[in-house]
Amino acid sequence: MAEAGNGRDATGEAPWPAPEVDHFLRFLVTVTDNTDLEVGVTLNVGGVLVSGLLVGYDKYVEGVVSQLRGAGGYKDTNMFVEEIFRRYAEVYNSEEQGDDPAPEPAMDTIYIHLGEARFFAPGSAPLPVEGVWWRGRLSEVQGFTLGTLRPAPG
């Protein structure tokens, strides 16, 4: 008989292989991709903590495009990259639409998107001072907590 929460039987063996992605985190990503909900999360990714607001793909694209507009640099290059993001968002959203009312764990749950992301590593100050837009593979997240970390007052 499996114990609640850890998926192991009385001998300590898992009756099935561990999932590649945490089901609850996948659910949160799917919800944020399909709504305007934003959730504070802290992710453990390769020994580094990534902390920020879990946002949907559309919000992420809007944020990156807005960041490009304010970044200066070559206007033509920024416009080119902005157009690539917009076209990809159109393809992404058209693939997401369909007759099935339940969202499938497809593109929208392969990547996770954070706004105001900061990176916390042992022995280092959090980077950057201002949060950034971050995109990562959901399968690379080893653990997570709800809520964001804040840098210690200085």
C-alpha atoms as a PDB file:
ATOM      1  CA  MET A   1       0.000   0.000   0.000  1.00  0.00           C
ATOM      2  CA  ALA A   2       1.425   3.378  -0.980  1.00  0.00           C
ATOM      3  CA  GLU A   3       1.897   6.028   1.679  1.00  0.00           C
ATOM      4  CA  ALA A   4       0.157   9.329   1.032  1.00  0.00           C
ATOM      5  CA  GLY A   5       2.349  11.949  -0.579  1.00  0.00           C
ATOM      6  CA  ASN A   6       5.566  10.070  -1.239  1.00  0.00           C
ATOM      7  CA  GLY A   7       4.331   7.348  -3.625  1.00  0.00           C
ATOM      8  CA  ARG A   8       6.289   4.524  -1.955  1.00  0.00           C
ATOM      9  CA  ASP A   9       4.987   1.230  -0.626  1.00  0.00           C
ATOM     10  CA  ALA A  10       5.734  -0.276   2.790  1.00  0.00           C
ATOM     11  CA  THR A  11       9.126  -1.600   1.582  1.00  0.00           C
ATOM     12  CA  GLY A  12      10.204   1.869   0.508  1.00  0.00           C
ATOM     13  CA  GLU A  13      10.062   1.013  -3.189  1.00  0.00           C
ATOM     14  CA  ALA A  14       8.211   3.204  -5.647  1.00  0.00           C
ATOM     15  CA  PRO A  15       5.663   1.121  -7.581  1.00  0.00           C
ATOM     16  CA  TRP A  16       6.337   3.217 -10.720  1.00  0.00           C
ATOM     17  CA  PRO A  17       9.157   5.395 -11.993  1.00  0.00           C
ATOM     18  CA  ALA A  18       9.311   8.914 -10.596  1.00  0.00           C
ATOM     19  CA  PRO A  19       7.796  11.496 -12.942  1.00  0.00           C
ATOM     20  CA  GLU A  20      10.203  13.702 -14.860  1.00  0.00           C
ATOM     21  CA  VAL A  21       8.250  16.809 -13.802  1.00  0.00           C
ATOM     22  CA  ASP A  22       6.473  17.545 -10.534  1.00  0.00           C
ATOM     23  CA  HIS A  23       2.751  17.246 -11.272  1.00  0.00           C
ATOM     24  CA  PHE A  24       1.751  20.117  -8.987  1.00  0.00           C
ATOM     25  CA  LEU A  25       4.313  22.486 -10.493  1.00  0.00           C
ATOM     26  CA  ARG A  26       3.183  21.443 -13.998  1.00  0.00           C
ATOM     27  CA  PHE A  27      -0.401  22.241 -12.944  1.00  0.00           C
ATOM     28  CA  LEU A  28       0.629  25.703 -11.682  1.00  0.00           C
ATOM     29  CA  VAL A  29       2.438  26.426 -14.964  1.00  0.00           C
ATOM     30  CA  THR A  30      -0.602  25.299 -16.968  1.00  0.00           C
ATOM     31  CA  VAL A  31      -2.887  27.528 -14.893  1.00  0.00           C
ATOM     32  CA  THR A  32      -0.645  30.592 -15.263  1.00  0.00           C
ATOM     33  CA  ASP A  33      -0.320  29.954 -19.006  1.00  0.00           C
ATOM     34  CA  ASN A  34      -4.115  29.964 -19.347  1.00  0.00           C
ATOM     35  CA  THR A  35      -4.996  32.806 -16.943  1.00  0.00           C
ATOM     36  CA  ASP A  36      -3.631  36.127 -15.676  1.00  0.00           C
ATOM     37  CA  LEU A  37      -2.634  34.538 -12.364  1.00  0.00           C
ATOM     38  CA  GLU A  38       0.878  35.240 -11.053  1.00  0.00           C
ATOM     39  CA  VAL A  39       2.327  33.147  -8.226  1.00  0.00           C
ATOM     40  CA  GLY A  40       5.506  33.752  -6.252  1.00  0.00           C
ATOM     41  CA  VAL A  41       7.804  30.718  -6.438  1.00  0.00           C
ATOM     42  CA  THR A  42      11.360  29.746  -5.621  1.00  0.00           C
ATOM     43  CA  LEU A  43      12.866  26.988  -7.759  1.00  0.00           C
ATOM     44  CA  ASN A  44      15.916  24.819  -7.159  1.00  0.00           C
ATOM     45  CA  VAL A  45      17.616  24.507 -10.548  1.00  0.00           C
ATOM     46  CA  GLY A  46      21.046  22.908 -10.628  1.00  0.00           C
ATOM     47  CA  GLY A  47      21.866  23.972  -7.070  1.00  0.00           C
ATOM     48  CA  VAL A  48      20.910  27.602  -7.661  1.00  0.00           C
ATOM     49  CA  LEU A  49      17.687  29.082  -6.312  1.00  0.00           C
ATOM     50  CA  VAL A  50      15.669  31.031  -8.881  1.00  0.00           C
ATOM     51  CA  SER A  51      13.005  33.155  -7.225  1.00  0.00           C
ATOM     52  CA  GLY A  52      10.326  35.280  -8.881  1.00  0.00           C
ATOM     53  CA  LEU A  53       6.756  35.460 -10.102  1.00  0.00           C
ATOM     54  CA  LEU A  54       5.448  32.489 -12.065  1.00  0.00           C
ATOM     55  CA  VAL A  55       3.777  34.045 -15.115  1.00  0.00           C
ATOM     56  CA  GLY A  56       2.145  32.754 -18.263  1.00  0.00           C
ATOM     57  CA  TYR A  57       3.884  32.624 -21.613  1.00  0.00           C
ATOM     58  CA  ASP A  58       2.008  35.674 -22.971  1.00  0.00           C
ATOM     59  CA  LYS A  59       3.047  37.798 -19.976  1.00  0.00           C
ATOM     60  CA  TYR A  60       6.634  36.578 -20.402  1.00  0.00           C
ATOM     61  CA  VAL A  61       6.677  37.558 -24.098  1.00  0.00           C
ATOM     62  CA  GLU A  62       5.173  40.982 -23.298  1.00  0.00           C
ATOM     63  CA  GLY A  63       7.834  41.498 -20.634  1.00  0.00           C
ATOM     64  CA  VAL A  64      10.750  40.505 -22.861  1.00  0.00           C
ATOM     65  CA  VAL A  65       9.474  42.682 -25.717  1.00  0.00           C
ATOM     66  CA  SER A  66       9.030  45.630 -23.344  1.00  0.00           C
ATOM     67  CA  GLN A  67      12.545  45.053 -22.000  1.00  0.00           C
ATOM     68  CA  LEU A  68      13.917  45.070 -25.556  1.00  0.00           C
ATOM     69  CA  ARG A  69      12.196  48.372 -26.288  1.00  0.00           C
ATOM     70  CA  GLY A  70      13.816  49.970 -23.252  1.00  0.00           C
ATOM     71  CA  ALA A  71      17.238  48.400 -23.713  1.00  0.00           C
ATOM     72  CA  GLY A  72      18.539  50.818 -26.292  1.00  0.00           C
ATOM     73  CA  GLY A  73      20.971  49.343 -28.762  1.00  0.00           C
ATOM     74  CA  TYR A  74      20.166  48.888 -32.408  1.00  0.00           C
ATOM     75  CA  LYS A  75      16.517  49.637 -33.083  1.00  0.00           C
ATOM     76  CA  ASP A  76      16.376  47.364 -36.160  1.00  0.00           C
ATOM     77  CA  THR A  77      17.796  44.424 -34.198  1.00  0.00           C
ATOM     78  CA  ASN A  78      15.366  44.962 -31.338  1.00  0.00           C
ATOM     79  CA  MET A  79      12.429  45.169 -33.758  1.00  0.00           C
ATOM     80  CA  PHE A  80      13.587  41.964 -35.489  1.00  0.00           C
ATOM     81  CA  VAL A  81      13.806  40.056 -32.193  1.00  0.00           C
ATOM     82  CA  GLU A  82      10.449  41.512 -31.097  1.00  0.00           C
ATOM     83  CA  GLU A  83       8.846  40.262 -34.316  1.00  0.00           C
ATOM     84  CA  ILE A  84      10.302  36.770 -33.778  1.00  0.00           C
ATOM     85  CA  PHE A  85       8.820  36.665 -30.261  1.00  0.00           C
ATOM     86  CA  ARG A  86       5.420  37.873 -31.503  1.00  0.00           C
ATOM     87  CA  ARG A  87       5.294  35.318 -34.342  1.00  0.00           C
ATOM     88  CA  TYR A  88       6.334  32.507 -32.049  1.00  0.00           C
ATOM     89  CA  ALA A  89       3.618  33.564 -29.569  1.00  0.00           C
ATOM     90  CA  GLU A  90       1.035  33.405 -32.379  1.00  0.00           C
ATOM     91  CA  VAL A  91       2.145  29.867 -33.324  1.00  0.00           C
ATOM     92  CA  TYR A  92       2.229  28.842 -29.666  1.00  0.00           C
ATOM     93  CA  ASN A  93      -1.263  30.179 -29.033  1.00  0.00           C
ATOM     94  CA  SER A  94      -2.717  28.663 -32.221  1.00  0.00           C
ATOM     95  CA  GLU A  95      -1.343  25.209 -31.296  1.00  0.00           C
ATOM     96  CA  GLU A  96      -2.799  25.644 -27.820  1.00  0.00           C
ATOM     97  CA  GLN A  97      -6.315  26.280 -29.178  1.00  0.00           C
ATOM     98  CA  GLY A  98      -8.476  23.303 -29.981  1.00  0.00           C
ATOM     99  CA  ASP A  99     -11.710  21.487 -29.299  1.00  0.00           C
ATOM    100  CA  ASP A 100     -10.422  19.789 -26.162  1.00  0.00           C
ATOM    101  CA  PRO A 101     -11.467  21.919 -23.153  1.00  0.00           C
ATOM    102  CA  ALA A 102      -8.701  20.508 -20.921  1.00  0.00           C
ATOM    103  CA  PRO A 103      -5.215  21.886 -21.561  1.00  0.00           C
ATOM    104  CA  GLU A 104      -2.786  19.183 -22.612  1.00  0.00           C
ATOM    105  CA  PRO A 105       0.697  19.065 -21.122  1.00  0.00           C
ATOM    106  CA  ALA A 106       2.262  20.200 -24.391  1.00  0.00           C
ATOM    107  CA  MET A 107       4.396  23.284 -25.049  1.00  0.00           C
ATOM    108  CA  ASP A 108       2.738  25.229 -22.269  1.00  0.00           C
ATOM    109  CA  THR A 109       4.105  22.840 -19.670  1.00  0.00           C
ATOM    110  CA  ILE A 110       7.566  22.152 -21.042  1.00  0.00           C
ATOM    111  CA  TYR A 111       8.885  25.577 -20.039  1.00  0.00           C
ATOM    112  CA  ILE A 112       8.360  27.671 -16.960  1.00  0.00           C
ATOM    113  CA  HIS A 113       8.404  31.482 -17.087  1.00  0.00           C
ATOM    114  CA  LEU A 114       9.243  33.878 -14.277  1.00  0.00           C
ATOM    115  CA  GLY A 115       9.061  37.633 -14.016  1.00  0.00           C
ATOM    116  CA  GLU A 116      11.186  39.623 -11.543  1.00  0.00           C
ATOM    117  CA  ALA A 117      13.508  36.599 -11.262  1.00  0.00           C
ATOM    118  CA  ARG A 118      16.577  36.720  -9.054  1.00  0.00           C
ATOM    119  CA  PHE A 119      19.266  34.070  -8.593  1.00  0.00           C
ATOM    120  CA  PHE A 120      20.525  32.992  -5.186  1.00  0.00           C
ATOM    121  CA  ALA A 121      23.705  30.911  -4.891  1.00  0.00           C
ATOM    122  CA  PRO A 122      25.596  29.964  -1.719  1.00  0.00           C
ATOM    123  CA  GLY A 123      28.135  32.588  -0.709  1.00  0.00           C
ATOM    124  CA  SER A 124      26.963  35.144  -3.265  1.00  0.00           C
ATOM    125  CA  ALA A 125      24.712  38.160  -3.236  1.00  0.00           C
ATOM    126  CA  PRO A 126      21.434  37.696  -5.137  1.00  0.00           C
ATOM    127  CA  LEU A 127      21.640  38.606  -8.816  1.00  0.00           C
ATOM    128  CA  PRO A 128      20.494  40.789 -10.416  1.00  0.00           C
ATOM    129  CA  VAL A 129      19.472  43.659  -8.156  1.00  0.00           C
ATOM    130  CA  GLU A 130      16.484  44.269 -10.424  1.00  0.00           C
ATOM    131  CA  GLY A 131      14.563  41.153 -11.390  1.00  0.00           C
ATOM    132  CA  VAL A 132      14.702  39.785 -14.938  1.00  0.00           C
ATOM    133  CA  TRP A 133      12.463  37.722 -17.214  1.00  0.00           C
ATOM    134  CA  TRP A 134      13.522  34.081 -16.992  1.00  0.00           C
ATOM    135  CA  ARG A 135      12.574  30.948 -18.944  1.00  0.00           C
ATOM    136  CA  GLY A 136      13.669  27.454 -18.007  1.00  0.00           C
ATOM    137  CA  ARG A 137      12.871  23.823 -18.684  1.00  0.00           C
ATOM    138  CA  LEU A 138      10.308  22.502 -16.256  1.00  0.00           C
ATOM    139  CA  SER A 139      12.069  19.115 -16.246  1.00  0.00           C
ATOM    140  CA  GLU A 140      15.240  20.751 -14.835  1.00  0.00           C
ATOM    141  CA  VAL A 141      13.504  21.950 -11.644  1.00  0.00           C
ATOM    142  CA  GLN A 142      14.551  19.692  -8.754  1.00  0.00           C
ATOM    143  CA  GLY A 143      12.308  21.286  -6.143  1.00  0.00           C
ATOM    144  CA  PHE A 144      10.254  24.376  -5.412  1.00  0.00           C
ATOM    145  CA  THR A 145       8.469  26.367  -2.736  1.00  0.00           C
ATOM    146  CA  LEU A 146       5.624  28.805  -3.024  1.00  0.00           C
ATOM    147  CA  GLY A 147       6.740  32.355  -2.247  1.00  0.00           C
ATOM    148  CA  THR A 148       9.715  34.431  -3.289  1.00  0.00           C
ATOM    149  CA  LEU A 149      13.044  35.080  -1.592  1.00  0.00           C
ATOM    150  CA  ARG A 150      14.055  38.627  -0.859  1.00  0.00           C
ATOM    151  CA  PRO A 151      17.618  39.917  -0.578  1.00  0.00           C
ATOM    152  CA  ALA A 152      18.675  40.723   2.976  1.00  0.00           C
ATOM    153  CA  PRO A 153      18.461  44.448   3.744  1.00  0.00           C
ATOM    154  CA  GLY A 154      21.716  46.029   3.160  1.00  0.00           C
END
